[in-house]
Amino acid sequence: MKDVSATAIYGSRGSNGVILINTKKGQKGKSAVNYQYSLGQSQSAKELNLLNASQWARMQKDYFLNKPGYSDAEIEQLGDGYDWQNAVLQTGVTQ
């Protein structure tokens, strides 16, 4: 509202205009609040039994017996490697 009526109602404070907001009134009776919440957890059903890095290199060495493959020193350097299943299939929480 930006006219003489705004100035008439609000005086000098209404000279730049007035915004009137009409809100609904509450009804008699008990107040009611609706609330929903959901929480879940996701987990891998089964973990696969896989070879680690050293076991895989030894299997390759045994499989290709007559061909050049990994030396024992190279296999030792591999160690256990990295458990990718554990890294990727972690338990997750959803909301």
C-alpha atoms as a PDB file:
ATOM      1  CA  MET A   1       0.000   0.000   0.000  1.00  0.00           C
ATOM      2  CA  LYS A   2       1.624   3.236  -1.054  1.00  0.00           C
ATOM      3  CA  ASP A   3      -0.698   6.165  -1.037  1.00  0.00           C
ATOM      4  CA  VAL A   4      -2.383   8.649   1.239  1.00  0.00           C
ATOM      5  CA  SER A   5      -4.113   5.891   3.222  1.00  0.00           C
ATOM      6  CA  ALA A   6      -0.746   4.449   4.322  1.00  0.00           C
ATOM      7  CA  THR A   7       0.332   7.862   5.557  1.00  0.00           C
ATOM      8  CA  ALA A   8      -3.032   8.339   7.251  1.00  0.00           C
ATOM      9  CA  ILE A   9      -2.716   5.034   9.143  1.00  0.00           C
ATOM     10  CA  TYR A  10       1.021   4.954   9.923  1.00  0.00           C
ATOM     11  CA  GLY A  11       1.965   8.640   9.781  1.00  0.00           C
ATOM     12  CA  SER A  12       5.452   9.577   8.629  1.00  0.00           C
ATOM     13  CA  ARG A  13       6.602   5.943   8.980  1.00  0.00           C
ATOM     14  CA  GLY A  14       4.263   4.985   6.144  1.00  0.00           C
ATOM     15  CA  SER A  15       5.522   7.611   3.711  1.00  0.00           C
ATOM     16  CA  ASN A  16       7.603   5.074   1.708  1.00  0.00           C
ATOM     17  CA  GLY A  17       4.766   2.583   1.555  1.00  0.00           C
ATOM     18  CA  VAL A  18       3.394  -0.146   3.778  1.00  0.00           C
ATOM     19  CA  ILE A  19       3.142  -3.885   3.247  1.00  0.00           C
ATOM     20  CA  LEU A  20       0.127  -5.429   4.932  1.00  0.00           C
ATOM     21  CA  ILE A  21       0.239  -9.137   5.724  1.00  0.00           C
ATOM     22  CA  ASN A  22      -2.983 -10.936   6.588  1.00  0.00           C
ATOM     23  CA  THR A  23      -2.499 -14.187   8.482  1.00  0.00           C
ATOM     24  CA  LYS A  24      -4.984 -16.929   9.231  1.00  0.00           C
ATOM     25  CA  LYS A  25      -6.283 -17.291  12.750  1.00  0.00           C
ATOM     26  CA  GLY A  26      -6.009 -20.519  14.670  1.00  0.00           C
ATOM     27  CA  GLN A  27      -8.985 -22.724  15.420  1.00  0.00           C
ATOM     28  CA  LYS A  28     -10.229 -23.740  18.825  1.00  0.00           C
ATOM     29  CA  GLY A  29      -9.239 -27.153  20.118  1.00  0.00           C
ATOM     30  CA  LYS A  30      -6.008 -29.022  20.672  1.00  0.00           C
ATOM     31  CA  SER A  31      -2.967 -28.148  18.645  1.00  0.00           C
ATOM     32  CA  ALA A  32      -1.627 -30.927  16.464  1.00  0.00           C
ATOM     33  CA  VAL A  33       1.874 -31.383  15.127  1.00  0.00           C
ATOM     34  CA  ASN A  34       2.674 -34.004  12.503  1.00  0.00           C
ATOM     35  CA  TYR A  35       6.214 -35.343  12.413  1.00  0.00           C
ATOM     36  CA  GLN A  36       7.787 -38.099  10.359  1.00  0.00           C
ATOM     37  CA  TYR A  37      11.299 -39.462  10.718  1.00  0.00           C
ATOM     38  CA  SER A  38      13.075 -42.271   8.964  1.00  0.00           C
ATOM     39  CA  LEU A  39      16.453 -43.795   9.743  1.00  0.00           C
ATOM     40  CA  GLY A  40      18.015 -46.729   7.955  1.00  0.00           C
ATOM     41  CA  GLN A  41      21.266 -48.572   7.644  1.00  0.00           C
ATOM     42  CA  SER A  42      22.723 -50.220   4.580  1.00  0.00           C
ATOM     43  CA  GLN A  43      25.253 -52.975   4.855  1.00  0.00           C
ATOM     44  CA  SER A  44      26.816 -55.403   2.420  1.00  0.00           C
ATOM     45  CA  ALA A  45      25.130 -58.792   2.577  1.00  0.00           C
ATOM     46  CA  LYS A  46      28.285 -60.781   1.970  1.00  0.00           C
ATOM     47  CA  GLU A  47      31.986 -60.076   1.703  1.00  0.00           C
ATOM     48  CA  LEU A  48      33.803 -61.978  -1.011  1.00  0.00           C
ATOM     49  CA  ASN A  49      36.833 -64.045  -0.072  1.00  0.00           C
ATOM     50  CA  LEU A  50      39.483 -62.554  -2.362  1.00  0.00           C
ATOM     51  CA  LEU A  51      43.243 -62.883  -2.657  1.00  0.00           C
ATOM     52  CA  ASN A  52      45.451 -60.133  -1.293  1.00  0.00           C
ATOM     53  CA  ALA A  53      48.262 -58.690  -3.434  1.00  0.00           C
ATOM     54  CA  SER A  54      50.922 -61.227  -2.384  1.00  0.00           C
ATOM     55  CA  GLN A  55      48.594 -64.204  -2.805  1.00  0.00           C
ATOM     56  CA  TRP A  56      47.585 -63.006  -6.274  1.00  0.00           C
ATOM     57  CA  ALA A  57      51.233 -62.539  -7.342  1.00  0.00           C
ATOM     58  CA  ARG A  58      52.139 -66.040  -6.076  1.00  0.00           C
ATOM     59  CA  MET A  59      49.175 -67.506  -7.964  1.00  0.00           C
ATOM     60  CA  GLN A  60      50.320 -65.726 -11.138  1.00  0.00           C
ATOM     61  CA  LYS A  61      53.866 -67.007 -10.604  1.00  0.00           C
ATOM     62  CA  ASP A  62      52.655 -70.593 -10.144  1.00  0.00           C
ATOM     63  CA  TYR A  63      50.245 -70.358 -13.081  1.00  0.00           C
ATOM     64  CA  PHE A  64      52.854 -69.066 -15.517  1.00  0.00           C
ATOM     65  CA  LEU A  65      55.635 -71.339 -14.252  1.00  0.00           C
ATOM     66  CA  ASN A  66      57.609 -71.410 -17.482  1.00  0.00           C
ATOM     67  CA  LYS A  67      57.084 -67.749 -18.308  1.00  0.00           C
ATOM     68  CA  PRO A  68      58.674 -64.731 -16.669  1.00  0.00           C
ATOM     69  CA  GLY A  69      56.547 -63.442 -13.835  1.00  0.00           C
ATOM     70  CA  TYR A  70      57.020 -61.858 -10.455  1.00  0.00           C
ATOM     71  CA  SER A  71      60.203 -62.593  -8.528  1.00  0.00           C
ATOM     72  CA  ASP A  72      60.019 -63.493  -4.839  1.00  0.00           C
ATOM     73  CA  ALA A  73      61.433 -60.049  -3.970  1.00  0.00           C
ATOM     74  CA  GLU A  74      58.697 -58.321  -5.993  1.00  0.00           C
ATOM     75  CA  ILE A  75      56.038 -60.428  -4.309  1.00  0.00           C
ATOM     76  CA  GLU A  76      57.357 -59.484  -0.870  1.00  0.00           C
ATOM     77  CA  GLN A  77      57.228 -55.797  -1.819  1.00  0.00           C
ATOM     78  CA  LEU A  78      53.527 -56.083  -2.620  1.00  0.00           C
ATOM     79  CA  GLY A  79      52.642 -57.044   0.940  1.00  0.00           C
ATOM     80  CA  ASP A  80      48.935 -57.436   1.644  1.00  0.00           C
ATOM     81  CA  GLY A  81      47.955 -54.624  -0.722  1.00  0.00           C
ATOM     82  CA  TYR A  82      44.770 -52.659  -0.055  1.00  0.00           C
ATOM     83  CA  ASP A  83      41.412 -54.083   1.035  1.00  0.00           C
ATOM     84  CA  TRP A  84      39.127 -52.451  -1.551  1.00  0.00           C
ATOM     85  CA  GLN A  85      36.035 -54.318  -0.344  1.00  0.00           C
ATOM     86  CA  ASN A  86      36.418 -52.849   3.112  1.00  0.00           C
ATOM     87  CA  ALA A  87      36.963 -49.369   1.671  1.00  0.00           C
ATOM     88  CA  VAL A  88      33.993 -49.460  -0.704  1.00  0.00           C
ATOM     89  CA  LEU A  89      31.443 -51.566   1.180  1.00  0.00           C
ATOM     90  CA  GLN A  90      31.255 -49.651   4.447  1.00  0.00           C
ATOM     91  CA  THR A  91      28.043 -49.509   6.451  1.00  0.00           C
ATOM     92  CA  GLY A  92      26.003 -46.473   5.468  1.00  0.00           C
ATOM     93  CA  VAL A  93      23.336 -44.512   7.340  1.00  0.00           C
ATOM     94  CA  THR A  94      20.373 -42.966   5.533  1.00  0.00           C
ATOM     95  CA  GLN A  95      17.924 -40.399   6.837  1.00  0.00           C
END
